[in-house]
Amino acid sequence: MQKVLVIRFSSVGDIVLTFPALRFLSQNQVEIHYLTKAQFAPLVEMSGLVHVVHTISDHASLKELLLKTESLKQISFSHVFDLHRNLRSWIVVKVLKAKASRIRKFRFKEFFLFIFRKKIFNWIFRPIDRAKEAVVTVGGAEVTTGILLDKTKETHIIDLPKNNFICICAESAWPQKQWSIKCFLELAQILSEKGYGIVWLGLKSLTTPPNSLNLIAKLTLPQTAQVLKKAKLLICNDSGLMHLSEAVGTPVVTIFGPTTVEIGFSPRLPQSRIVEAKLWCRPCSKSGRFCIRFVKPYKCLQDISVQNVLTYALEVLRNGSMQPYPYKSMDVL
């Protein structure tokens, strides 16, 4: 059996978006190896599609990277799929000297989008689709249907609500993409009063309101996936947990401030919803670091009310069971 290597070092959302590509490779009867950072190895293993996960430390030096690559040379890969396309992955590809395919980065499209904004962008281009691009890089054509993580292992999590609970993640990798913590807390209180259990997920400390279960920084990635799988809904910012939630079949209501669907990281499940403000200045960047509004900066997040998010959350909860892919256009404010 031929052996192939897939490279994606980080992070949660980006790795989940490579799973459709792994599914395509698995259908071609190849032995899949995956190179990533150590902290994301459990996430890759959850896919159930990878035969061997190879890791480097989270802050690996060049020496460590070269040593790891030298050990990988002993495996004799027939093909290397670089789904990260940074300097480190380029070094691995060059040292291995195997046939390789590298994912596109869409630098020009992103530049055009951030300069001319979405209206003009959509006259000329289609929105970027990161998951589809990963599939194309490994030789496929379309993103396959179905839940991406259906083999999450069951572990006991103390005091997890029996049913009818909602997960909330109030953080993002970039603080400029985070909706107000005050608004998240108010929303959680309203949903709690409506009879829904509230479970908080994430990595950063947060004071939670009464009648909520705080699991922030207390779970592994597999445990987080298990909680999301049992939840009715995840309410979050544009973040990695948004993709993880959809991968286990749980729809999301996600708050997009500086970002838009055109960048390529949007939810894909038909029942998921994006809450966003219609402003001419969006999107400004992938991280939100470059807000150009001198008066009322980050208006894109401030203009989203608790009622806006609550309306979409209740709509998703009323719709019942989730339906899988393909992508469906999202509602906006």
Protein backbone atom coordinates (compact mmCIF):
# COMPACT_ATOMS: atom_id res chain seq x y z
CA MET A 1 0.00 0.00 0.00
CA GLN A 2 1.31 3.44 -0.93
CA LYS A 3 2.05 5.87 1.86
CA VAL A 4 1.23 9.58 1.67
CA LEU A 5 2.05 12.42 4.05
CA VAL A 6 -0.33 15.28 4.81
CA ILE A 7 1.12 18.38 6.46
CA ARG A 8 -0.93 20.82 8.50
CA PHE A 9 0.69 22.12 11.68
CA SER A 10 -2.18 24.18 13.13
CA SER A 11 -4.75 25.13 14.26
CA VAL A 12 -8.08 23.59 15.31
CA GLY A 13 -10.28 25.06 12.59
CA ASP A 14 -7.70 24.73 9.82
CA ILE A 15 -7.02 21.09 10.69
CA VAL A 16 -10.73 20.24 10.71
CA LEU A 17 -11.00 21.77 7.24
CA THR A 18 -8.46 19.20 5.99
CA PHE A 19 -10.68 16.27 7.03
CA PRO A 20 -12.68 16.19 3.76
CA ALA A 21 -9.33 15.81 1.98
CA LEU A 22 -8.42 12.93 4.31
CA ARG A 23 -11.73 11.26 3.53
CA PHE A 24 -11.01 11.47 -0.19
CA LEU A 25 -7.52 9.99 0.30
CA SER A 26 -8.92 7.16 2.42
CA GLN A 27 -11.20 6.15 -0.45
CA ASN A 28 -8.12 5.62 -2.61
CA GLN A 29 -6.68 2.92 -0.34
CA VAL A 30 -3.50 4.69 0.69
CA GLU A 31 -1.83 4.72 4.10
CA ILE A 32 -2.23 8.25 5.42
CA HIS A 33 0.42 9.85 7.62
CA TYR A 34 -0.18 13.32 9.10
CA LEU A 35 2.41 15.82 10.38
CA THR A 36 1.14 18.38 12.88
CA LYS A 37 1.96 20.05 16.18
CA ALA A 38 1.80 17.84 19.27
CA GLN A 39 -1.16 19.65 20.82
CA PHE A 40 -3.31 18.88 17.76
CA ALA A 41 -2.44 15.18 17.45
CA PRO A 42 -5.59 14.06 19.37
CA LEU A 43 -7.73 16.09 16.97
CA VAL A 44 -6.15 14.44 13.92
CA GLU A 45 -6.57 11.00 15.49
CA MET A 46 -10.28 11.69 16.02
CA SER A 47 -10.78 11.74 12.26
CA GLY A 48 -10.34 7.95 12.23
CA LEU A 49 -8.74 8.27 8.79
CA VAL A 50 -5.05 8.65 9.63
CA HIS A 51 -2.84 5.62 10.12
CA VAL A 52 0.07 7.43 11.79
CA VAL A 53 0.26 10.92 13.31
CA HIS A 54 3.74 12.47 13.40
CA THR A 55 4.32 15.51 15.61
CA ILE A 56 6.69 18.33 16.33
CA SER A 57 6.59 20.43 19.49
CA ASP A 58 4.45 23.55 19.54
CA HIS A 59 7.53 25.81 19.21
CA ALA A 60 9.82 23.48 17.33
CA SER A 61 13.26 24.74 16.39
CA LEU A 62 14.74 24.28 12.93
CA LYS A 63 16.93 21.53 14.33
CA GLU A 64 13.92 19.63 15.69
CA LEU A 65 12.08 20.05 12.39
CA LEU A 66 15.04 18.71 10.40
CA LEU A 67 15.47 15.75 12.74
CA LYS A 68 11.78 14.89 12.38
CA THR A 69 12.00 15.22 8.61
CA GLU A 70 15.05 12.94 8.48
CA SER A 71 13.10 10.28 10.37
CA LEU A 72 10.21 10.68 7.92
CA LYS A 73 12.57 10.01 5.00
CA GLN A 74 12.80 6.40 6.15
CA ILE A 75 9.11 5.86 5.33
CA SER A 76 9.41 6.50 1.56
CA PHE A 77 6.23 8.47 0.87
CA SER A 78 4.84 8.28 -2.64
CA HIS A 79 3.34 11.75 -2.31
CA VAL A 80 3.42 14.68 0.13
CA PHE A 81 0.40 16.99 0.40
CA ASP A 82 1.37 20.31 1.94
CA LEU A 83 -1.92 21.73 3.23
CA HIS A 84 -0.20 24.42 5.29
CA ARG A 85 2.19 26.05 2.80
CA ASN A 86 4.49 27.95 5.12
CA LEU A 87 8.26 27.97 5.51
CA ARG A 88 8.33 24.92 7.78
CA SER A 89 6.19 22.80 5.51
CA TRP A 90 8.32 23.90 2.52
CA ILE A 91 11.44 22.68 4.33
CA VAL A 92 9.81 19.30 5.01
CA VAL A 93 8.81 18.93 1.35
CA LYS A 94 12.29 19.85 0.10
CA VAL A 95 14.12 17.51 2.48
CA LEU A 96 11.82 14.55 1.74
CA LYS A 97 12.33 14.97 -2.03
CA ALA A 98 9.05 13.18 -2.72
CA LYS A 99 6.43 14.13 -5.27
CA ALA A 100 4.48 16.94 -3.67
CA SER A 101 1.36 19.08 -4.06
CA ARG A 102 0.93 22.36 -2.17
CA ILE A 103 -2.32 24.09 -1.33
CA ARG A 104 -2.98 27.53 -2.78
CA LYS A 105 -2.94 30.52 -0.43
CA PHE A 106 -5.17 32.98 -2.39
CA ARG A 107 -2.96 35.94 -1.49
CA PHE A 108 -4.15 38.05 -4.43
CA LYS A 109 -7.82 37.29 -3.78
CA GLU A 110 -7.43 38.17 -0.12
CA PHE A 111 -5.62 41.42 -0.96
CA PHE A 112 -8.33 42.34 -3.47
CA LEU A 113 -11.08 41.52 -0.98
CA PHE A 114 -9.58 43.58 1.85
CA ILE A 115 -8.92 46.57 -0.43
CA PHE A 116 -12.14 46.63 -2.47
CA ARG A 117 -14.47 44.81 -0.02
CA LYS A 118 -17.01 42.10 -0.69
CA LYS A 119 -19.37 43.83 -3.14
CA ILE A 120 -16.74 44.41 -5.82
CA PHE A 121 -15.03 41.11 -4.95
CA ASN A 122 -18.23 39.17 -5.61
CA TRP A 123 -18.60 40.77 -9.05
CA ILE A 124 -15.30 39.17 -10.10
CA PHE A 125 -14.59 36.15 -7.89
CA ARG A 126 -16.35 33.36 -6.09
CA PRO A 127 -15.91 33.14 -2.29
CA ILE A 128 -12.83 31.20 -1.24
CA ASP A 129 -13.57 27.65 -0.04
CA ARG A 130 -10.69 26.38 2.13
CA ALA A 131 -12.12 22.89 2.62
CA LYS A 132 -12.68 22.44 -1.12
CA GLU A 133 -9.18 23.70 -1.88
CA ALA A 134 -7.70 21.04 0.43
CA VAL A 135 -9.71 18.38 -1.41
CA VAL A 136 -8.56 19.70 -4.79
CA THR A 137 -4.93 19.67 -3.62
CA VAL A 138 -5.11 15.93 -2.88
CA GLY A 139 -6.76 15.20 -6.23
CA GLY A 140 -10.47 15.43 -5.44
CA ALA A 141 -13.13 17.72 -6.87
CA GLU A 142 -15.83 18.42 -4.29
CA VAL A 143 -16.21 18.32 -0.51
CA THR A 144 -17.87 15.02 0.41
CA THR A 145 -21.06 14.97 2.44
CA GLY A 146 -21.53 13.77 5.98
CA ILE A 147 -20.33 14.35 9.52
CA LEU A 148 -16.54 14.54 9.68
CA LEU A 149 -16.03 13.26 13.22
CA ASP A 150 -18.36 10.34 13.93
CA LYS A 151 -15.98 8.24 16.05
CA THR A 152 -15.45 10.44 19.09
CA LYS A 153 -14.75 8.29 22.14
CA GLU A 154 -17.10 8.52 25.09
CA THR A 155 -15.53 9.64 28.35
CA HIS A 156 -17.29 10.64 31.56
CA ILE A 157 -17.63 14.40 32.04
CA ILE A 158 -18.92 15.33 35.47
CA ASP A 159 -22.28 17.11 35.69
CA LEU A 160 -22.84 17.38 31.95
CA PRO A 161 -26.49 18.29 31.39
CA LYS A 162 -28.65 15.35 30.34
CA ASN A 163 -30.23 17.05 27.32
CA ASN A 164 -31.39 20.34 25.85
CA PHE A 165 -28.14 22.18 26.47
CA ILE A 166 -26.32 24.83 24.47
CA CYS A 167 -22.58 25.40 24.31
CA ILE A 168 -21.11 28.89 24.30
CA CYS A 169 -17.55 29.82 23.39
CA ALA A 170 -16.89 33.52 23.93
CA GLU A 171 -13.30 33.58 22.67
CA SER A 172 -11.38 33.60 19.43
CA ALA A 173 -7.70 33.33 18.52
CA TRP A 174 -7.81 37.08 17.82
CA PRO A 175 -9.40 39.39 20.43
CA GLN A 176 -10.47 41.74 17.63
CA LYS A 177 -12.91 39.06 16.43
CA GLN A 178 -14.61 38.62 19.83
CA TRP A 179 -18.12 39.82 20.53
CA SER A 180 -18.57 41.51 23.90
CA ILE A 181 -18.26 39.19 26.90
CA LYS A 182 -21.06 41.20 28.50
CA CYS A 183 -23.32 40.32 25.57
CA PHE A 184 -22.44 36.62 25.79
CA LEU A 185 -23.28 36.61 29.49
CA GLU A 186 -26.60 38.37 28.89
CA LEU A 187 -27.46 35.93 26.11
CA ALA A 188 -26.61 32.95 28.31
CA GLN A 189 -28.86 34.27 31.07
CA ILE A 190 -31.81 34.66 28.69
CA LEU A 191 -31.38 31.16 27.26
CA SER A 192 -31.07 29.73 30.76
CA GLU A 193 -34.34 31.38 31.75
CA LYS A 194 -35.94 29.74 28.70
CA GLY A 195 -35.01 26.34 30.08
CA TYR A 196 -31.78 25.55 28.22
CA GLY A 197 -28.72 24.32 30.03
CA ILE A 198 -25.60 26.36 29.29
CA VAL A 199 -22.10 24.87 28.96
CA TRP A 200 -19.14 27.20 28.50
CA LEU A 201 -16.20 25.98 26.41
CA GLY A 202 -12.84 27.48 25.52
CA LEU A 203 -9.35 28.09 26.85
CA LYS A 204 -9.54 31.47 28.58
CA SER A 205 -10.87 32.09 32.07
CA LEU A 206 -14.34 33.60 32.30
CA THR A 207 -16.78 34.38 35.07
CA THR A 208 -19.95 32.50 34.18
CA PRO A 209 -23.46 33.42 35.28
CA PRO A 210 -25.55 31.25 37.62
CA ASN A 211 -27.08 28.01 36.32
CA SER A 212 -24.19 27.43 33.91
CA LEU A 213 -21.52 24.74 33.67
CA ASN A 214 -18.03 26.16 33.20
CA LEU A 215 -15.77 23.70 31.31
CA ILE A 216 -13.36 26.36 30.04
CA ALA A 217 -9.76 25.07 30.02
CA LYS A 218 -10.90 21.81 31.67
CA LEU A 219 -11.26 19.54 28.63
CA THR A 220 -9.08 17.91 26.02
CA LEU A 221 -9.95 18.37 22.36
CA PRO A 222 -11.61 14.91 22.18
CA GLN A 223 -13.66 15.72 25.29
CA THR A 224 -14.63 19.08 23.82
CA ALA A 225 -15.79 17.31 20.67
CA GLN A 226 -17.81 14.89 22.79
CA VAL A 227 -19.59 17.75 24.58
CA LEU A 228 -20.30 19.54 21.31
CA LYS A 229 -21.70 16.34 19.80
CA LYS A 230 -24.31 16.13 22.58
CA ALA A 231 -25.22 19.81 22.45
CA LYS A 232 -28.17 21.27 20.58
CA LEU A 233 -26.18 24.26 19.38
CA LEU A 234 -22.89 26.14 19.72
CA ILE A 235 -22.92 29.93 19.91
CA CYS A 236 -19.47 31.37 19.23
CA ASN A 237 -17.26 33.87 17.49
CA ASP A 238 -15.46 33.09 14.23
CA SER A 239 -13.16 30.47 15.78
CA GLY A 240 -11.80 26.93 15.60
CA LEU A 241 -14.56 25.50 17.80
CA MET A 242 -17.06 26.60 15.17
CA HIS A 243 -15.53 24.10 12.73
CA LEU A 244 -15.11 21.41 15.40
CA SER A 245 -18.79 21.70 16.33
CA GLU A 246 -19.93 21.26 12.75
CA ALA A 247 -17.53 18.34 12.31
CA VAL A 248 -19.46 16.38 14.97
CA GLY A 249 -22.81 17.41 13.49
CA THR A 250 -23.84 20.25 15.79
CA PRO A 251 -24.93 23.49 14.08
CA VAL A 252 -23.56 26.86 15.12
CA VAL A 253 -24.67 30.43 15.43
CA THR A 254 -21.46 32.32 14.85
CA ILE A 255 -20.74 36.02 15.11
CA PHE A 256 -18.72 37.49 12.26
CA GLY A 257 -17.28 40.93 12.89
CA PRO A 258 -14.23 41.84 10.77
CA THR A 259 -14.54 38.66 8.67
CA THR A 260 -17.04 37.51 6.03
CA VAL A 261 -17.87 34.27 4.20
CA GLU A 262 -15.75 35.32 1.21
CA ILE A 263 -12.53 34.62 3.19
CA GLY A 264 -13.37 30.93 3.20
CA PHE A 265 -13.78 29.93 6.85
CA SER A 266 -17.55 30.13 7.19
CA PRO A 267 -19.90 27.46 8.61
CA ARG A 268 -21.15 24.87 6.13
CA LEU A 269 -24.11 23.08 7.73
CA PRO A 270 -27.46 24.27 6.34
CA GLN A 271 -28.85 24.95 9.80
CA SER A 272 -25.90 27.00 10.95
CA ARG A 273 -26.25 30.76 10.92
CA ILE A 274 -23.93 33.73 10.71
CA VAL A 275 -24.87 36.92 12.53
CA GLU A 276 -23.17 39.93 10.97
CA ALA A 277 -23.65 43.65 10.44
CA LYS A 278 -23.98 45.04 6.92
CA LEU A 279 -21.12 47.55 6.81
CA TRP A 280 -19.14 48.77 3.81
CA CYS A 281 -15.81 48.26 5.60
CA ARG A 282 -16.14 44.49 6.00
CA PRO A 283 -14.03 42.43 5.71
CA CYS A 284 -10.94 44.33 6.80
CA SER A 285 -8.62 41.34 7.43
CA LYS A 286 -8.64 37.70 8.55
CA SER A 287 -7.67 38.67 12.09
CA GLY A 288 -9.44 42.02 12.52
CA ARG A 289 -6.19 43.76 13.48
CA PHE A 290 -6.56 46.50 10.88
CA CYS A 291 -9.82 48.29 11.67
CA ILE A 292 -9.97 51.45 9.56
CA ARG A 293 -12.77 53.14 11.49
CA PHE A 294 -11.38 56.00 13.56
CA VAL A 295 -14.84 56.76 14.94
CA LYS A 296 -16.44 53.82 16.72
CA PRO A 297 -13.82 51.19 15.84
CA TYR A 298 -15.08 47.61 15.55
CA LYS A 299 -18.58 48.82 14.86
CA CYS A 300 -19.03 45.48 13.08
CA LEU A 301 -19.15 43.76 16.47
CA GLN A 302 -20.76 46.54 18.48
CA ASP A 303 -23.75 46.74 16.13
CA ILE A 304 -24.69 43.10 16.78
CA SER A 305 -27.20 42.99 19.61
CA VAL A 306 -28.07 40.20 22.01
CA GLN A 307 -31.50 40.06 20.38
CA ASN A 308 -29.93 39.49 16.95
CA VAL A 309 -28.02 36.44 18.17
CA LEU A 310 -30.93 35.19 20.28
CA THR A 311 -33.27 35.30 17.26
CA TYR A 312 -30.98 33.07 15.19
CA ALA A 313 -30.26 30.74 18.11
CA LEU A 314 -33.97 30.13 18.72
CA GLU A 315 -34.51 29.63 14.99
CA VAL A 316 -31.85 26.90 14.83
CA LEU A 317 -33.19 25.25 17.98
CA ARG A 318 -36.71 25.15 16.54
CA ASN A 319 -35.52 23.51 13.31
CA GLY A 320 -34.65 20.24 15.04
CA SER A 321 -32.12 17.74 13.73
CA MET A 322 -29.12 18.84 11.72
CA GLN A 323 -28.74 18.20 7.99
CA PRO A 324 -25.24 17.56 6.56
CA TYR A 325 -23.38 19.31 3.72
CA PRO A 326 -23.42 20.90 1.14
CA TYR A 327 -22.83 24.60 1.83
CA LYS A 328 -25.87 26.81 1.99
CA SER A 329 -25.94 30.60 1.97
CA MET A 330 -26.28 32.18 5.39
CA ASP A 331 -28.71 34.70 6.78
CA VAL A 332 -27.42 38.14 7.76
CA LEU A 333 -28.75 41.10 9.64
